Amino acid sequence: MFANYLIGLREGLEASLVVAMLVAYIVKLERRSLLPRLWAGVALAVLLSLGVGAFLQLTSQTLTFQAQEAFGGFMSLLAVALITWMIFWMAAHAKGIRAHLHGEVDKALLGGAWTLTIVAFVSVGREGLETALFLWAGINASGDTIEPILGAILGLATAVVIGIVIYRGAVRLNMARLFTWTGAGLIVVAAGVLAYGIHDLQEASILPGLNSLAFDVSAQVPPGSWYGTLLKGVFNFSPATTWLEFVAWWGYLIPTMFLYLRTIRRRPVATTIQETPVEAPSV
């Protein structure tokens, strides 16, 4: 549940901040009449994300067991690739996000009537598609129970609340630090999703080594126990882990975390996300 909460929080927070920046800038320009077009783009992006999630779930359910495992495995690998790219992109380009969005709005105001809708749709839709794919992979890796879905919903709800209070200037958050910690946490989650995807591909007979176990602690960590469930939910820990899963988990976690932390340490102070809230526009 916590892993999916973290996914929902991190991805939802990025989308919330994008919307907050767009709304604040439009209001500052005294173009409130354009807000319905912006919200229309946001709504379309949300619907697209929900549709992609539903498509992934329905598609996987209509396949044979082996095809389901293959589909889930490849989708998990794609989710890990996307989330890794997103984490490093945010770490390297945090400073320019606000200026980029403002520039896109300026172009939209010079364009057609619904160009702003397209800007909002693309800006939020990118985050939404990443969220849908990674949440789907995370929920499937955590198990078909209500807890992973509830965790994701709570994470998204928290992100929306944070976005609102930042927009209104009610709190000051160190966004650079928040994104740094959530990024590191997502790398751990992604390592688990990668290992789970590898296991799916082994189940589908695409990868070898399904019966070659690195360790089996099922007796000490029963999958149905509270601590087994906790380890599964947070780290996608499997009591019976194959050698390929074991190598994939550590082979992803160590170099990715090292490169991420090095990127964060080398990032000049000026390139961190501004620690002041999104300015609440004067009315």
C-alpha atoms as a PDB file:
ATOM      1  CA  MET A   1       0.000   0.000   0.000  1.00  0.00           C
ATOM      2  CA  PHE A   2       2.789   2.455   0.909  1.00  0.00           C
ATOM      3  CA  ALA A   3       4.572   1.887  -2.405  1.00  0.00           C
ATOM      4  CA  ASN A   4       1.436   2.762  -4.359  1.00  0.00           C
ATOM      5  CA  TYR A   5       0.799   5.726  -2.062  1.00  0.00           C
ATOM      6  CA  LEU A   6       4.286   6.986  -2.921  1.00  0.00           C
ATOM      7  CA  ILE A   7       3.644   6.511  -6.638  1.00  0.00           C
ATOM      8  CA  GLY A   8       0.346   8.378  -6.437  1.00  0.00           C
ATOM      9  CA  LEU A   9       1.890  11.153  -4.332  1.00  0.00           C
ATOM     10  CA  ARG A  10       4.955  11.711  -6.503  1.00  0.00           C
ATOM     11  CA  GLU A  11       3.233  11.530  -9.876  1.00  0.00           C
ATOM     12  CA  GLY A  12       0.108  13.325  -8.708  1.00  0.00           C
ATOM     13  CA  LEU A  13       2.168  16.098  -7.145  1.00  0.00           C
ATOM     14  CA  GLU A  14       3.934  16.798 -10.416  1.00  0.00           C
ATOM     15  CA  ALA A  15       0.593  17.082 -12.218  1.00  0.00           C
ATOM     16  CA  SER A  16      -0.853  19.250  -9.419  1.00  0.00           C
ATOM     17  CA  LEU A  17       2.087  21.651  -9.563  1.00  0.00           C
ATOM     18  CA  VAL A  18       1.785  21.905 -13.346  1.00  0.00           C
ATOM     19  CA  VAL A  19      -1.891  22.826 -13.032  1.00  0.00           C
ATOM     20  CA  ALA A  20      -1.191  25.284 -10.203  1.00  0.00           C
ATOM     21  CA  MET A  21       1.480  27.052 -12.255  1.00  0.00           C
ATOM     22  CA  LEU A  22      -0.756  27.278 -15.318  1.00  0.00           C
ATOM     23  CA  VAL A  23      -3.733  28.615 -13.348  1.00  0.00           C
ATOM     24  CA  ALA A  24      -1.625  31.148 -11.454  1.00  0.00           C
ATOM     25  CA  TYR A  25      -0.048  32.472 -14.636  1.00  0.00           C
ATOM     26  CA  ILE A  26      -3.364  32.812 -16.481  1.00  0.00           C
ATOM     27  CA  VAL A  27      -4.953  34.653 -13.551  1.00  0.00           C
ATOM     28  CA  LYS A  28      -1.948  36.980 -13.312  1.00  0.00           C
ATOM     29  CA  LEU A  29      -2.458  37.806 -16.977  1.00  0.00           C
ATOM     30  CA  GLU A  30      -6.074  38.692 -16.096  1.00  0.00           C
ATOM     31  CA  ARG A  31      -7.374  36.131 -18.564  1.00  0.00           C
ATOM     32  CA  ARG A  32      -9.718  34.251 -16.236  1.00  0.00           C
ATOM     33  CA  SER A  33     -12.085  33.638 -19.131  1.00  0.00           C
ATOM     34  CA  LEU A  34      -9.554  31.123 -20.442  1.00  0.00           C
ATOM     35  CA  LEU A  35      -9.634  28.970 -17.294  1.00  0.00           C
ATOM     36  CA  PRO A  36     -12.518  26.755 -18.531  1.00  0.00           C
ATOM     37  CA  ARG A  37     -10.400  25.835 -21.544  1.00  0.00           C
ATOM     38  CA  LEU A  38      -7.491  24.948 -19.289  1.00  0.00           C
ATOM     39  CA  TRP A  39      -9.709  22.809 -17.056  1.00  0.00           C
ATOM     40  CA  ALA A  40     -11.133  21.133 -20.154  1.00  0.00           C
ATOM     41  CA  GLY A  41      -7.613  20.072 -21.121  1.00  0.00           C
ATOM     42  CA  VAL A  42      -6.962  18.795 -17.589  1.00  0.00           C
ATOM     43  CA  ALA A  43     -10.233  16.834 -17.621  1.00  0.00           C
ATOM     44  CA  LEU A  44      -9.387  15.248 -20.973  1.00  0.00           C
ATOM     45  CA  ALA A  45      -5.953  14.254 -19.677  1.00  0.00           C
ATOM     46  CA  VAL A  46      -7.498  12.646 -16.575  1.00  0.00           C
ATOM     47  CA  LEU A  47     -10.034  10.756 -18.708  1.00  0.00           C
ATOM     48  CA  LEU A  48      -7.261   9.549 -21.014  1.00  0.00           C
ATOM     49  CA  SER A  49      -5.220   8.311 -18.049  1.00  0.00           C
ATOM     50  CA  LEU A  50      -8.214   6.478 -16.580  1.00  0.00           C
ATOM     51  CA  GLY A  51      -8.961   4.999 -19.984  1.00  0.00           C
ATOM     52  CA  VAL A  52      -5.405   3.728 -20.383  1.00  0.00           C
ATOM     53  CA  GLY A  53      -5.546   2.158 -16.918  1.00  0.00           C
ATOM     54  CA  ALA A  54      -8.867   0.485 -17.693  1.00  0.00           C
ATOM     55  CA  PHE A  55      -7.540  -0.722 -21.050  1.00  0.00           C
ATOM     56  CA  LEU A  56      -4.489  -2.278 -19.430  1.00  0.00           C
ATOM     57  CA  GLN A  57      -6.622  -4.044 -16.835  1.00  0.00           C
ATOM     58  CA  LEU A  58      -9.245  -5.309 -19.297  1.00  0.00           C
ATOM     59  CA  THR A  59      -6.629  -6.400 -21.827  1.00  0.00           C
ATOM     60  CA  SER A  60      -4.702  -8.415 -19.254  1.00  0.00           C
ATOM     61  CA  GLN A  61      -7.880 -10.142 -18.036  1.00  0.00           C
ATOM     62  CA  THR A  62      -8.888 -11.352 -21.508  1.00  0.00           C
ATOM     63  CA  LEU A  63      -5.577 -13.130 -22.138  1.00  0.00           C
ATOM     64  CA  THR A  64      -4.500 -16.657 -21.312  1.00  0.00           C
ATOM     65  CA  PHE A  65      -2.386 -17.135 -18.192  1.00  0.00           C
ATOM     66  CA  GLN A  66       0.876 -17.259 -20.114  1.00  0.00           C
ATOM     67  CA  ALA A  67      -0.103 -14.253 -22.228  1.00  0.00           C
ATOM     68  CA  GLN A  68      -1.135 -12.356 -19.077  1.00  0.00           C
ATOM     69  CA  GLU A  69       2.257 -12.977 -17.542  1.00  0.00           C
ATOM     70  CA  ALA A  70       4.035 -11.859 -20.708  1.00  0.00           C
ATOM     71  CA  PHE A  71       1.858  -8.743 -20.991  1.00  0.00           C
ATOM     72  CA  GLY A  72       2.355  -7.857 -17.340  1.00  0.00           C
ATOM     73  CA  GLY A  73       6.087  -8.441 -17.554  1.00  0.00           C
ATOM     74  CA  PHE A  74       6.642  -6.209 -20.568  1.00  0.00           C
ATOM     75  CA  MET A  75       4.352  -3.482 -19.165  1.00  0.00           C
ATOM     76  CA  SER A  76       6.317  -3.579 -15.910  1.00  0.00           C
ATOM     77  CA  LEU A  77       9.588  -3.123 -17.804  1.00  0.00           C
ATOM     78  CA  LEU A  78       8.082  -0.205 -19.734  1.00  0.00           C
ATOM     79  CA  ALA A  79       6.810   1.352 -16.498  1.00  0.00           C
ATOM     80  CA  VAL A  80      10.258   1.096 -14.909  1.00  0.00           C
ATOM     81  CA  ALA A  81      11.869   2.699 -17.963  1.00  0.00           C
ATOM     82  CA  LEU A  82       9.406   5.601 -17.961  1.00  0.00           C
ATOM     83  CA  ILE A  83       9.593   6.273 -14.236  1.00  0.00           C
ATOM     84  CA  THR A  84      13.409   6.171 -14.317  1.00  0.00           C
ATOM     85  CA  TRP A  85      13.492   8.654 -17.171  1.00  0.00           C
ATOM     86  CA  MET A  86      11.021  10.908 -15.320  1.00  0.00           C
ATOM     87  CA  ILE A  87      13.029  10.895 -12.085  1.00  0.00           C
ATOM     88  CA  PHE A  88      16.265  11.879 -13.794  1.00  0.00           C
ATOM     89  CA  TRP A  89      14.541  14.427 -16.035  1.00  0.00           C
ATOM     90  CA  MET A  90      13.022  16.137 -13.002  1.00  0.00           C
ATOM     91  CA  ALA A  91      16.358  16.095 -11.199  1.00  0.00           C
ATOM     92  CA  ALA A  92      18.092  17.784 -14.125  1.00  0.00           C
ATOM     93  CA  HIS A  93      15.419  20.214 -15.370  1.00  0.00           C
ATOM     94  CA  ALA A  94      13.515  21.255 -12.259  1.00  0.00           C
ATOM     95  CA  LYS A  95      14.371  24.940 -12.578  1.00  0.00           C
ATOM     96  CA  GLY A  96      13.079  25.357 -16.121  1.00  0.00           C
ATOM     97  CA  ILE A  97       9.643  23.819 -15.640  1.00  0.00           C
ATOM     98  CA  ARG A  98       7.910  27.058 -14.641  1.00  0.00           C
ATOM     99  CA  ALA A  99       9.471  29.114 -17.442  1.00  0.00           C
ATOM    100  CA  HIS A 100       8.675  26.393 -19.979  1.00  0.00           C
ATOM    101  CA  LEU A 101       5.007  26.285 -18.958  1.00  0.00           C
ATOM    102  CA  HIS A 102       4.721  30.073 -19.062  1.00  0.00           C
ATOM    103  CA  GLY A 103       6.210  30.062 -22.539  1.00  0.00           C
ATOM    104  CA  GLU A 104       3.706  27.459 -23.680  1.00  0.00           C
ATOM    105  CA  VAL A 105       0.823  29.561 -22.335  1.00  0.00           C
ATOM    106  CA  ASP A 106       2.140  32.641 -24.154  1.00  0.00           C
ATOM    107  CA  LYS A 107       2.232  30.677 -27.402  1.00  0.00           C
ATOM    108  CA  ALA A 108      -1.275  29.345 -26.745  1.00  0.00           C
ATOM    109  CA  LEU A 109      -2.669  32.858 -26.259  1.00  0.00           C
ATOM    110  CA  LEU A 110      -1.367  33.750 -29.707  1.00  0.00           C
ATOM    111  CA  GLY A 111      -2.759  30.563 -31.230  1.00  0.00           C
ATOM    112  CA  GLY A 112      -6.237  29.258 -31.812  1.00  0.00           C
ATOM    113  CA  ALA A 113      -9.136  29.419 -29.378  1.00  0.00           C
ATOM    114  CA  TRP A 114      -8.508  25.975 -27.921  1.00  0.00           C
ATOM    115  CA  THR A 115      -4.730  25.927 -28.069  1.00  0.00           C
ATOM    116  CA  LEU A 116      -4.605  26.367 -24.289  1.00  0.00           C
ATOM    117  CA  THR A 117      -6.704  23.224 -23.923  1.00  0.00           C
ATOM    118  CA  ILE A 118      -4.066  21.331 -25.879  1.00  0.00           C
ATOM    119  CA  VAL A 119      -1.275  22.782 -23.706  1.00  0.00           C
ATOM    120  CA  ALA A 120      -3.037  21.660 -20.508  1.00  0.00           C
ATOM    121  CA  PHE A 121      -3.887  18.286 -22.015  1.00  0.00           C
ATOM    122  CA  VAL A 122      -0.295  17.575 -23.078  1.00  0.00           C
ATOM    123  CA  SER A 123       1.266  18.920 -19.859  1.00  0.00           C
ATOM    124  CA  VAL A 124      -0.996  16.929 -17.536  1.00  0.00           C
ATOM    125  CA  GLY A 125      -1.509  13.995 -19.898  1.00  0.00           C
ATOM    126  CA  ARG A 126       2.175  13.092 -19.898  1.00  0.00           C
ATOM    127  CA  GLU A 127       2.162  12.819 -16.116  1.00  0.00           C
ATOM    128  CA  GLY A 128      -1.179  11.022 -16.186  1.00  0.00           C
ATOM    129  CA  LEU A 129      -0.050   8.338 -18.624  1.00  0.00           C
ATOM    130  CA  GLU A 130       3.108   7.686 -16.620  1.00  0.00           C
ATOM    131  CA  THR A 131       0.995   7.474 -13.475  1.00  0.00           C
ATOM    132  CA  ALA A 132      -1.534   5.092 -15.019  1.00  0.00           C
ATOM    133  CA  LEU A 133       1.131   2.729 -16.323  1.00  0.00           C
ATOM    134  CA  PHE A 134       3.282   2.723 -13.195  1.00  0.00           C
ATOM    135  CA  LEU A 135       0.301   2.403 -10.849  1.00  0.00           C
ATOM    136  CA  TRP A 136      -1.048  -0.475 -12.907  1.00  0.00           C
ATOM    137  CA  ALA A 137       2.299  -2.232 -12.721  1.00  0.00           C
ATOM    138  CA  GLY A 138       2.646  -1.443  -9.010  1.00  0.00           C
ATOM    139  CA  ILE A 139      -0.862  -2.616  -8.149  1.00  0.00           C
ATOM    140  CA  ASN A 140      -0.391  -5.864 -10.065  1.00  0.00           C
ATOM    141  CA  ALA A 141       2.942  -6.421  -8.362  1.00  0.00           C
ATOM    142  CA  SER A 142       1.427  -5.774  -4.931  1.00  0.00           C
ATOM    143  CA  GLY A 143      -1.473  -8.143  -5.433  1.00  0.00           C
ATOM    144  CA  ASP A 144      -5.117  -7.948  -6.481  1.00  0.00           C
ATOM    145  CA  THR A 145      -6.413  -6.489  -3.219  1.00  0.00           C
ATOM    146  CA  ILE A 146      -8.054  -3.202  -2.314  1.00  0.00           C
ATOM    147  CA  GLU A 147      -5.058  -1.936  -0.327  1.00  0.00           C
ATOM    148  CA  PRO A 148      -2.827  -1.038  -3.324  1.00  0.00           C
ATOM    149  CA  ILE A 149      -5.702   0.817  -5.007  1.00  0.00           C
ATOM    150  CA  LEU A 150      -6.554   2.615  -1.774  1.00  0.00           C
ATOM    151  CA  GLY A 151      -2.911   3.596  -1.328  1.00  0.00           C
ATOM    152  CA  ALA A 152      -2.768   5.026  -4.846  1.00  0.00           C
ATOM    153  CA  ILE A 153      -5.991   7.012  -4.327  1.00  0.00           C
ATOM    154  CA  LEU A 154      -4.738   8.407  -1.011  1.00  0.00           C
ATOM    155  CA  GLY A 155      -1.445   9.399  -2.645  1.00  0.00           C
ATOM    156  CA  LEU A 156      -3.220  11.215  -5.476  1.00  0.00           C
ATOM    157  CA  ALA A 157      -5.586  12.909  -3.020  1.00  0.00           C
ATOM    158  CA  THR A 158      -2.634  14.079  -0.917  1.00  0.00           C
ATOM    159  CA  ALA A 159      -0.971  15.462  -4.041  1.00  0.00           C
ATOM    160  CA  VAL A 160      -4.094  17.426  -4.968  1.00  0.00           C
ATOM    161  CA  VAL A 161      -4.347  18.907  -1.461  1.00  0.00           C
ATOM    162  CA  ILE A 162      -0.664  19.901  -1.504  1.00  0.00           C
ATOM    163  CA  GLY A 163      -1.102  21.488  -4.931  1.00  0.00           C
ATOM    164  CA  ILE A 164      -4.059  23.553  -3.685  1.00  0.00           C
ATOM    165  CA  VAL A 165      -2.358  24.818  -0.535  1.00  0.00           C
ATOM    166  CA  ILE A 166       0.799  25.678  -2.457  1.00  0.00           C
ATOM    167  CA  TYR A 167      -1.221  27.603  -5.032  1.00  0.00           C
ATOM    168  CA  ARG A 168      -2.984  29.576  -2.306  1.00  0.00           C
ATOM    169  CA  GLY A 169       0.298  30.251  -0.510  1.00  0.00           C
ATOM    170  CA  ALA A 170      -0.954  28.623   2.691  1.00  0.00           C
ATOM    171  CA  VAL A 171       2.285  26.703   3.278  1.00  0.00           C
ATOM    172  CA  ARG A 172       5.914  26.822   2.253  1.00  0.00           C
ATOM    173  CA  LEU A 173       7.432  23.520   1.227  1.00  0.00           C
ATOM    174  CA  ASN A 174      10.973  22.681   0.258  1.00  0.00           C
ATOM    175  CA  MET A 175       9.948  21.162  -3.061  1.00  0.00           C
ATOM    176  CA  ALA A 176      13.525  20.279  -4.033  1.00  0.00           C
ATOM    177  CA  ARG A 177      13.927  18.201  -0.882  1.00  0.00           C
ATOM    178  CA  LEU A 178      10.479  16.626  -1.261  1.00  0.00           C
ATOM    179  CA  PHE A 179      11.146  15.554  -4.841  1.00  0.00           C
ATOM    180  CA  THR A 180      14.604  14.299  -3.881  1.00  0.00           C
ATOM    181  CA  TRP A 181      13.255  11.972  -1.193  1.00  0.00           C
ATOM    182  CA  THR A 182      10.268  10.775  -3.220  1.00  0.00           C
ATOM    183  CA  GLY A 183      12.545  10.195  -6.210  1.00  0.00           C
ATOM    184  CA  ALA A 184      14.843   8.009  -4.127  1.00  0.00           C
ATOM    185  CA  GLY A 185      11.833   6.138  -2.786  1.00  0.00           C
ATOM    186  CA  LEU A 186      10.482   5.558  -6.276  1.00  0.00           C
ATOM    187  CA  ILE A 187      13.792   4.037  -7.349  1.00  0.00           C
ATOM    188  CA  VAL A 188      13.351   1.410  -4.631  1.00  0.00           C
ATOM    189  CA  VAL A 189       9.753   0.835  -5.768  1.00  0.00           C
ATOM    190  CA  ALA A 190      10.862   0.604  -9.402  1.00  0.00           C
ATOM    191  CA  ALA A 191      13.454  -2.024  -8.489  1.00  0.00           C
ATOM    192  CA  GLY A 192      10.658  -4.142  -7.026  1.00  0.00           C
ATOM    193  CA  VAL A 193       8.446  -3.646 -10.078  1.00  0.00           C
ATOM    194  CA  LEU A 194      11.375  -4.654 -12.292  1.00  0.00           C
ATOM    195  CA  ALA A 195      11.938  -7.840 -10.298  1.00  0.00           C
ATOM    196  CA  TYR A 196       8.219  -8.617 -10.446  1.00  0.00           C
ATOM    197  CA  GLY A 197       8.238  -8.045 -14.213  1.00  0.00           C
ATOM    198  CA  ILE A 198      11.168 -10.424 -14.551  1.00  0.00           C
ATOM    199  CA  HIS A 199       9.229 -13.029 -12.584  1.00  0.00           C
ATOM    200  CA  ASP A 200       6.216 -12.578 -14.887  1.00  0.00           C
ATOM    201  CA  LEU A 201       8.409 -13.151 -17.934  1.00  0.00           C
ATOM    202  CA  GLN A 202       9.793 -16.276 -16.258  1.00  0.00           C
ATOM    203  CA  GLU A 203       6.239 -17.456 -15.628  1.00  0.00           C
ATOM    204  CA  ALA A 204       5.529 -16.875 -19.327  1.00  0.00           C
ATOM    205  CA  SER A 205       8.582 -19.019 -20.230  1.00  0.00           C
ATOM    206  CA  ILE A 206      10.156 -16.036 -21.998  1.00  0.00           C
ATOM    207  CA  LEU A 207      13.021 -15.860 -19.521  1.00  0.00           C
ATOM    208  CA  PRO A 208      14.699 -18.892 -17.950  1.00  0.00           C
ATOM    209  CA  GLY A 209      15.404 -19.730 -14.325  1.00  0.00           C
ATOM    210  CA  LEU A 210      11.915 -19.894 -12.803  1.00  0.00           C
ATOM    211  CA  ASN A 211      12.910 -22.781 -10.527  1.00  0.00           C
ATOM    212  CA  SER A 212      16.419 -21.534  -9.822  1.00  0.00           C
ATOM    213  CA  LEU A 213      15.988 -19.814  -6.464  1.00  0.00           C
ATOM    214  CA  ALA A 214      18.471 -17.444  -4.867  1.00  0.00           C
ATOM    215  CA  PHE A 215      16.681 -17.990  -1.535  1.00  0.00           C
ATOM    216  CA  ASP A 216      13.379 -19.214  -0.152  1.00  0.00           C
ATOM    217  CA  VAL A 217      12.343 -17.815   3.230  1.00  0.00           C
ATOM    218  CA  SER A 218       8.651 -18.610   2.896  1.00  0.00           C
ATOM    219  CA  ALA A 219       8.711 -20.395   6.232  1.00  0.00           C
ATOM    220  CA  GLN A 220      10.262 -17.419   8.004  1.00  0.00           C
ATOM    221  CA  VAL A 221       8.316 -14.758   6.065  1.00  0.00           C
ATOM    222  CA  PRO A 222       4.912 -16.235   5.195  1.00  0.00           C
ATOM    223  CA  PRO A 223       3.312 -14.265   2.331  1.00  0.00           C
ATOM    224  CA  GLY A 224       0.059 -14.011   4.282  1.00  0.00           C
ATOM    225  CA  SER A 225       1.650 -12.597   7.432  1.00  0.00           C
ATOM    226  CA  TRP A 226       1.468  -8.881   8.248  1.00  0.00           C
ATOM    227  CA  TYR A 227       5.210  -8.428   7.819  1.00  0.00           C
ATOM    228  CA  GLY A 228       5.208 -10.474   4.624  1.00  0.00           C
ATOM    229  CA  THR A 229       2.413  -8.275   3.289  1.00  0.00           C
ATOM    230  CA  LEU A 230       4.305  -5.157   4.382  1.00  0.00           C
ATOM    231  CA  LEU A 231       7.506  -6.235   2.637  1.00  0.00           C
ATOM    232  CA  LYS A 232       5.539  -7.147  -0.462  1.00  0.00           C
ATOM    233  CA  GLY A 233       3.678  -3.840  -0.519  1.00  0.00           C
ATOM    234  CA  VAL A 234       6.695  -1.605   0.049  1.00  0.00           C
ATOM    235  CA  PHE A 235       9.548  -3.464  -1.659  1.00  0.00           C
ATOM    236  CA  ASN A 236       7.698  -6.077  -3.763  1.00  0.00           C
ATOM    237  CA  PHE A 237       9.689  -8.593  -1.736  1.00  0.00           C
ATOM    238  CA  SER A 238       9.090 -12.207  -2.700  1.00  0.00           C
ATOM    239  CA  PRO A 239       9.970 -14.861  -0.076  1.00  0.00           C
ATOM    240  CA  ALA A 240      10.916 -17.204  -2.921  1.00  0.00           C
ATOM    241  CA  THR A 241      13.146 -15.141  -5.209  1.00  0.00           C
ATOM    242  CA  THR A 242      14.828 -16.470  -8.309  1.00  0.00           C
ATOM    243  CA  TRP A 243      18.410 -15.646  -9.117  1.00  0.00           C
ATOM    244  CA  LEU A 244      17.332 -13.554 -12.105  1.00  0.00           C
ATOM    245  CA  GLU A 245      14.976 -11.487  -9.928  1.00  0.00           C
ATOM    246  CA  PHE A 246      17.687 -11.076  -7.315  1.00  0.00           C
ATOM    247  CA  VAL A 247      20.259  -9.891  -9.848  1.00  0.00           C
ATOM    248  CA  ALA A 248      17.722  -7.582 -11.551  1.00  0.00           C
ATOM    249  CA  TRP A 249      16.689  -5.942  -8.240  1.00  0.00           C
ATOM    250  CA  TRP A 250      20.225  -5.181  -7.087  1.00  0.00           C
ATOM    251  CA  GLY A 251      21.505  -4.567 -10.622  1.00  0.00           C
ATOM    252  CA  TYR A 252      18.936  -1.804 -11.059  1.00  0.00           C
ATOM    253  CA  LEU A 253      18.901  -0.362  -7.531  1.00  0.00           C
ATOM    254  CA  ILE A 254      22.618   0.175  -6.908  1.00  0.00           C
ATOM    255  CA  PRO A 255      23.699   1.961 -10.134  1.00  0.00           C
ATOM    256  CA  THR A 256      20.426   3.883 -10.493  1.00  0.00           C
ATOM    257  CA  MET A 257      20.503   5.156  -6.911  1.00  0.00           C
ATOM    258  CA  PHE A 258      24.195   6.038  -7.243  1.00  0.00           C
ATOM    259  CA  LEU A 259      23.629   8.048 -10.426  1.00  0.00           C
ATOM    260  CA  TYR A 260      20.534   9.720  -8.989  1.00  0.00           C
ATOM    261  CA  LEU A 261      22.256  10.819  -5.785  1.00  0.00           C
ATOM    262  CA  ARG A 262      25.254  12.028  -7.764  1.00  0.00           C
ATOM    263  CA  THR A 263      22.942  14.066  -9.989  1.00  0.00           C
ATOM    264  CA  ILE A 264      21.293  15.607  -6.936  1.00  0.00           C
ATOM    265  CA  ARG A 265      24.617  16.422  -5.257  1.00  0.00           C
ATOM    266  CA  ARG A 266      26.058  17.989  -8.404  1.00  0.00           C
ATOM    267  CA  ARG A 267      22.967  20.069  -9.058  1.00  0.00           C
ATOM    268  CA  PRO A 268      23.743  23.725  -8.262  1.00  0.00           C
ATOM    269  CA  VAL A 269      21.523  25.479  -5.787  1.00  0.00           C
ATOM    270  CA  ALA A 270      20.114  27.589  -8.591  1.00  0.00           C
ATOM    271  CA  THR A 271      18.739  24.540 -10.376  1.00  0.00           C
ATOM    272  CA  THR A 272      16.613  23.300  -7.499  1.00  0.00           C
ATOM    273  CA  ILE A 273      12.879  23.757  -7.579  1.00  0.00           C
ATOM    274  CA  GLN A 274      12.022  27.053  -6.002  1.00  0.00           C
ATOM    275  CA  GLU A 275      11.313  26.671  -2.306  1.00  0.00           C
ATOM    276  CA  THR A 276       8.693  29.394  -2.311  1.00  0.00           C
ATOM    277  CA  PRO A 277       5.083  28.469  -3.006  1.00  0.00           C
ATOM    278  CA  VAL A 278       3.437  29.041  -6.357  1.00  0.00           C
ATOM    279  CA  GLU A 279       2.473  32.664  -6.095  1.00  0.00           C
ATOM    280  CA  ALA A 280      -1.177  33.193  -5.365  1.00  0.00           C
ATOM    281  CA  PRO A 281      -2.183  35.740  -7.981  1.00  0.00           C
ATOM    282  CA  SER A 282      -3.584  39.067  -6.953  1.00  0.00           C
ATOM    283  CA  VAL A 283      -7.164  39.569  -7.944  1.00  0.00           C
END
